[in-house]
Protein backbone atom coordinates (compact mmCIF):
# COMPACT_ATOMS: atom_id res chain seq x y z
CA MET A 1 0.00 0.00 0.00
CA SER A 2 1.40 3.39 -0.92
CA GLU A 3 1.50 6.42 1.34
CA ALA A 4 -1.85 7.66 0.02
CA GLY A 5 -3.62 4.37 0.55
CA VAL A 6 -3.70 3.27 -3.09
CA GLY A 7 -2.48 -0.24 -3.84
CA ARG A 8 0.45 -0.73 -6.21
CA VAL A 9 -1.27 -3.67 -7.90
CA LEU A 10 -4.27 -1.50 -8.75
CA VAL A 11 -2.13 1.28 -10.22
CA ALA A 12 0.13 -1.08 -12.17
CA SER A 13 -2.79 -3.12 -13.49
CA LEU A 14 -4.61 0.03 -14.66
CA HIS A 15 -1.46 1.24 -16.39
CA GLN A 16 -1.01 -2.11 -18.16
CA ALA A 17 -4.68 -2.28 -19.18
CA ILE A 18 -4.51 1.24 -20.64
CA ALA A 19 -1.33 0.29 -22.52
CA ASP A 20 -3.09 -2.78 -23.94
CA LEU A 21 -6.47 -1.31 -24.81
CA LEU A 22 -5.82 2.43 -25.31
CA PRO A 23 -2.21 2.57 -26.53
CA THR A 24 -2.71 5.87 -28.32
CA ARG A 25 -3.93 7.41 -25.04
CA LEU A 26 -1.16 5.97 -22.83
CA GLU A 27 0.98 9.10 -22.96
CA PHE A 28 -2.00 11.17 -21.77
CA TYR A 29 -2.65 8.83 -18.81
CA GLU A 30 1.04 8.65 -17.93
CA ALA A 31 0.79 12.27 -16.82
CA TRP A 32 -0.80 10.71 -13.69
CA LEU A 33 0.42 7.11 -13.84
CA ASN A 34 4.02 7.91 -14.63
CA PRO A 35 6.54 5.04 -14.78
CA ALA A 36 8.80 6.51 -12.07
CA GLY A 37 5.86 6.80 -9.69
CA LEU A 38 4.81 3.25 -10.53
CA ARG A 39 8.26 1.89 -9.70
CA ASP A 40 8.51 3.83 -6.46
CA GLY A 41 4.90 3.30 -5.35
CA ARG A 42 4.32 7.05 -5.26
CA ILE A 43 1.07 7.24 -7.21
CA GLY A 44 -1.45 8.70 -4.80
CA LEU A 45 -5.18 8.99 -4.55
CA ALA A 46 -5.52 12.27 -6.51
CA PRO A 47 -3.74 11.00 -9.65
CA LEU A 48 -5.68 7.74 -9.51
CA ALA A 49 -8.98 9.62 -9.14
CA ALA A 50 -8.04 11.76 -12.15
CA VAL A 51 -7.29 8.67 -14.25
CA LEU A 52 -10.58 7.03 -13.32
CA SER A 53 -12.48 10.25 -14.02
CA PHE A 54 -10.93 10.62 -17.48
CA LEU A 55 -11.46 6.91 -18.20
CA ARG A 56 -15.17 7.26 -17.41
CA GLN A 57 -15.35 9.98 -20.06
CA GLU A 58 -13.96 7.52 -22.63
CA GLY A 59 -17.27 5.58 -22.57
CA GLU A 60 -17.09 1.81 -23.23
CA PRO A 61 -13.29 1.71 -22.89
CA TYR A 62 -13.78 2.43 -19.16
CA ARG A 63 -15.46 -0.93 -18.66
CA LEU A 64 -12.90 -2.74 -20.82
CA VAL A 65 -9.88 -1.14 -19.14
CA THR A 66 -11.09 -1.63 -15.56
CA ALA A 67 -12.10 -5.23 -16.27
CA ARG A 68 -8.70 -5.96 -17.84
CA ALA A 69 -7.01 -4.30 -14.85
CA GLY A 70 -8.99 -6.62 -12.55
CA GLU A 71 -7.81 -9.63 -14.53
CA TYR A 72 -4.19 -8.51 -14.26
CA ALA A 73 -4.56 -7.81 -10.55
CA ALA A 74 -5.93 -11.33 -9.98
CA GLU A 75 -3.15 -12.95 -12.03
CA TRP A 76 -0.40 -10.98 -10.31
CA THR A 77 -1.87 -11.68 -6.89
CA VAL A 78 -1.90 -15.42 -7.57
CA ALA A 79 1.69 -15.24 -8.85
CA ASP A 80 2.69 -13.52 -5.59
CA LEU A 81 1.02 -16.14 -3.37
CA GLY A 82 3.98 -18.44 -3.44
CA GLY A 83 4.15 -22.06 -4.54
CA PHE A 84 3.03 -23.63 -1.28
CA HIS A 85 -0.05 -21.42 -0.96
CA ARG A 86 -1.03 -21.96 -4.62
CA GLY A 87 -0.52 -25.72 -4.23
CA LEU A 88 -2.64 -25.78 -1.09
CA ILE A 89 -5.51 -24.03 -2.88
CA ARG A 90 -5.20 -26.25 -5.98
CA SER A 91 -5.28 -29.44 -3.95
CA ALA A 92 -8.32 -28.45 -1.89
CA PRO A 93 -11.77 -29.81 -2.76
CA ALA A 94 -13.79 -27.40 -4.93
CA ALA A 95 -15.98 -26.08 -2.09
CA LEU A 96 -12.96 -25.33 0.12
CA ARG A 97 -11.07 -23.90 -2.87
CA VAL A 98 -13.87 -21.37 -3.39
CA HIS A 99 -13.69 -20.26 0.26
CA LEU A 100 -9.88 -19.96 0.10
CA LEU A 101 -10.13 -17.91 -3.09
CA LEU A 102 -12.73 -15.62 -1.55
CA ARG A 103 -10.22 -14.90 1.22
CA VAL A 104 -7.61 -14.06 -1.39
CA ALA A 105 -10.15 -11.81 -3.15
CA ARG A 106 -11.00 -10.07 0.12
CA GLY A 107 -7.31 -9.30 0.68
CA LEU A 108 -6.89 -8.03 -2.86
CA ILE A 109 -9.94 -5.77 -2.56
CA ARG A 110 -8.70 -4.43 0.76
CA SER A 111 -5.27 -3.69 -0.76
CA THR A 112 -6.83 -1.84 -3.71
CA TYR A 113 -7.62 1.22 -1.65
CA ARG A 114 -7.26 1.84 2.08
CA GLY A 115 -11.00 2.55 2.45
CA SER A 116 -12.18 -0.61 0.65
CA ARG A 117 -13.70 -3.55 2.51
CA ALA A 118 -15.38 -6.68 1.23
CA ALA A 119 -17.84 -9.02 2.90
CA MET A 120 -18.42 -12.37 1.24
CA ARG A 121 -21.09 -15.05 1.49
CA TRP A 122 -21.15 -18.33 -0.35
CA ARG A 123 -23.88 -20.91 -0.53
CA ARG A 124 -24.32 -23.86 -2.84
CA GLY A 125 -26.00 -21.75 -5.49
CA GLY A 126 -23.33 -19.08 -5.56
CA GLY A 127 -21.94 -16.13 -3.71
CA LEU A 128 -22.42 -12.50 -2.96
CA VAL A 129 -19.58 -10.03 -2.50
CA THR A 130 -20.42 -6.69 -0.91
CA ILE A 131 -17.81 -3.97 -1.38
CA ARG A 132 -17.74 -0.83 0.71
CA GLY A 133 -15.48 2.08 -0.14
CA SER A 134 -14.93 1.31 -3.82
CA ILE A 135 -12.44 3.75 -5.33
CA PHE A 136 -14.07 3.13 -8.71
CA CYS A 137 -17.45 4.37 -7.49
CA GLU A 138 -16.34 7.72 -6.08
CA VAL A 139 -18.39 10.02 -8.31
CA ARG A 140 -19.86 13.46 -7.79
CA GLU A 141 -23.12 12.63 -9.55
CA ARG A 142 -24.89 9.33 -10.03
CA VAL A 143 -24.18 7.43 -13.20
CA GLU A 144 -26.49 5.12 -15.12
CA GLN A 145 -24.17 2.12 -15.48
CA PRO A 146 -22.25 0.35 -12.68
CA LEU A 147 -18.55 1.09 -12.34
CA CYS A 148 -17.47 -2.05 -10.42
CA HIS A 149 -16.11 -4.04 -13.37
CA TYR A 150 -12.68 -4.32 -11.76
CA TYR A 151 -14.07 -6.34 -8.85
CA ALA A 152 -16.18 -8.63 -11.02
CA ALA A 153 -13.14 -9.35 -13.19
CA VAL A 154 -10.95 -10.00 -10.12
CA LEU A 155 -13.42 -12.60 -8.84
CA THR A 156 -13.88 -14.30 -12.21
CA ARG A 157 -10.15 -14.52 -12.96
CA LEU A 158 -9.17 -15.67 -9.46
CA MET A 159 -11.64 -18.54 -9.63
CA HIS A 160 -10.69 -19.44 -13.21
CA GLN A 161 -7.01 -19.75 -12.33
CA PHE A 162 -7.90 -22.54 -9.91
CA GLY A 163 -10.36 -24.42 -12.10
CA ILE A 164 -13.58 -22.89 -10.78
CA GLU A 165 -15.62 -21.43 -13.64
CA VAL A 166 -18.02 -18.70 -12.56
CA GLU A 167 -20.12 -15.92 -13.99
CA THR A 168 -20.17 -12.63 -12.15
CA SER A 169 -22.66 -9.81 -12.38
CA ILE A 170 -22.84 -6.43 -10.75
CA GLU A 171 -26.10 -6.26 -8.81
CA GLN A 172 -25.61 -2.92 -7.05
CA CYS A 173 -23.17 -0.07 -7.44
CA ARG A 174 -22.66 2.91 -5.18
CA ALA A 175 -22.04 5.10 -8.24
CA THR A 176 -25.60 4.41 -9.43
CA GLY A 177 -27.09 5.37 -6.06
CA ALA A 178 -26.88 2.16 -4.03
CA GLY A 179 -25.39 2.25 -0.55
CA HIS A 180 -22.59 -0.14 -1.55
CA CYS A 181 -21.47 -2.32 -4.44
CA GLN A 182 -22.54 -5.96 -4.78
CA VAL A 183 -21.25 -8.60 -7.16
CA THR A 184 -22.91 -11.99 -7.46
CA ILE A 185 -20.94 -15.11 -8.32
CA ARG A 186 -22.62 -18.10 -9.94
CA PRO A 187 -20.82 -21.35 -10.73
CA VAL A 188 -20.95 -22.36 -14.38
CA LEU A 189 -22.09 -25.97 -14.52
């Protein structure tokens, strides 16, 4: 976590997603997500908020970039777990694997932004992740479409990496006027 409470994985994954999906706009976004700041972990809340605000103005690319960033964040988090931890999760029965992965997801969400918290419930039919303090949903005025694509992508990719296929959907988003963000997880049979 950087000094300003913004996670390095979030900033790096956003930078990489912008480079992949909006390469002609990368130089513009590097005014806030500059490579030196990325290396040193000095990208703070204000530059990140500016990037997210400008991304929202891009329209559909916002959803694509934040979802791709969530995928990268999940992949990099799994890579950082260490061999023993990854092996433990892989060898667990599917039901236990889901619970272990939800713990990993909770930690990743918490490390995204100092004010973020996640509560998770799982039952046989699927799960519900409630996110409070989403940095993506800090908007001055309500928006029509949810802005929580990063979290849905994190959950989908985390599960996929360990052989659990799921579909995620954003049920509530604070940016659209809800009190918090909620993502449902349904196993694909």
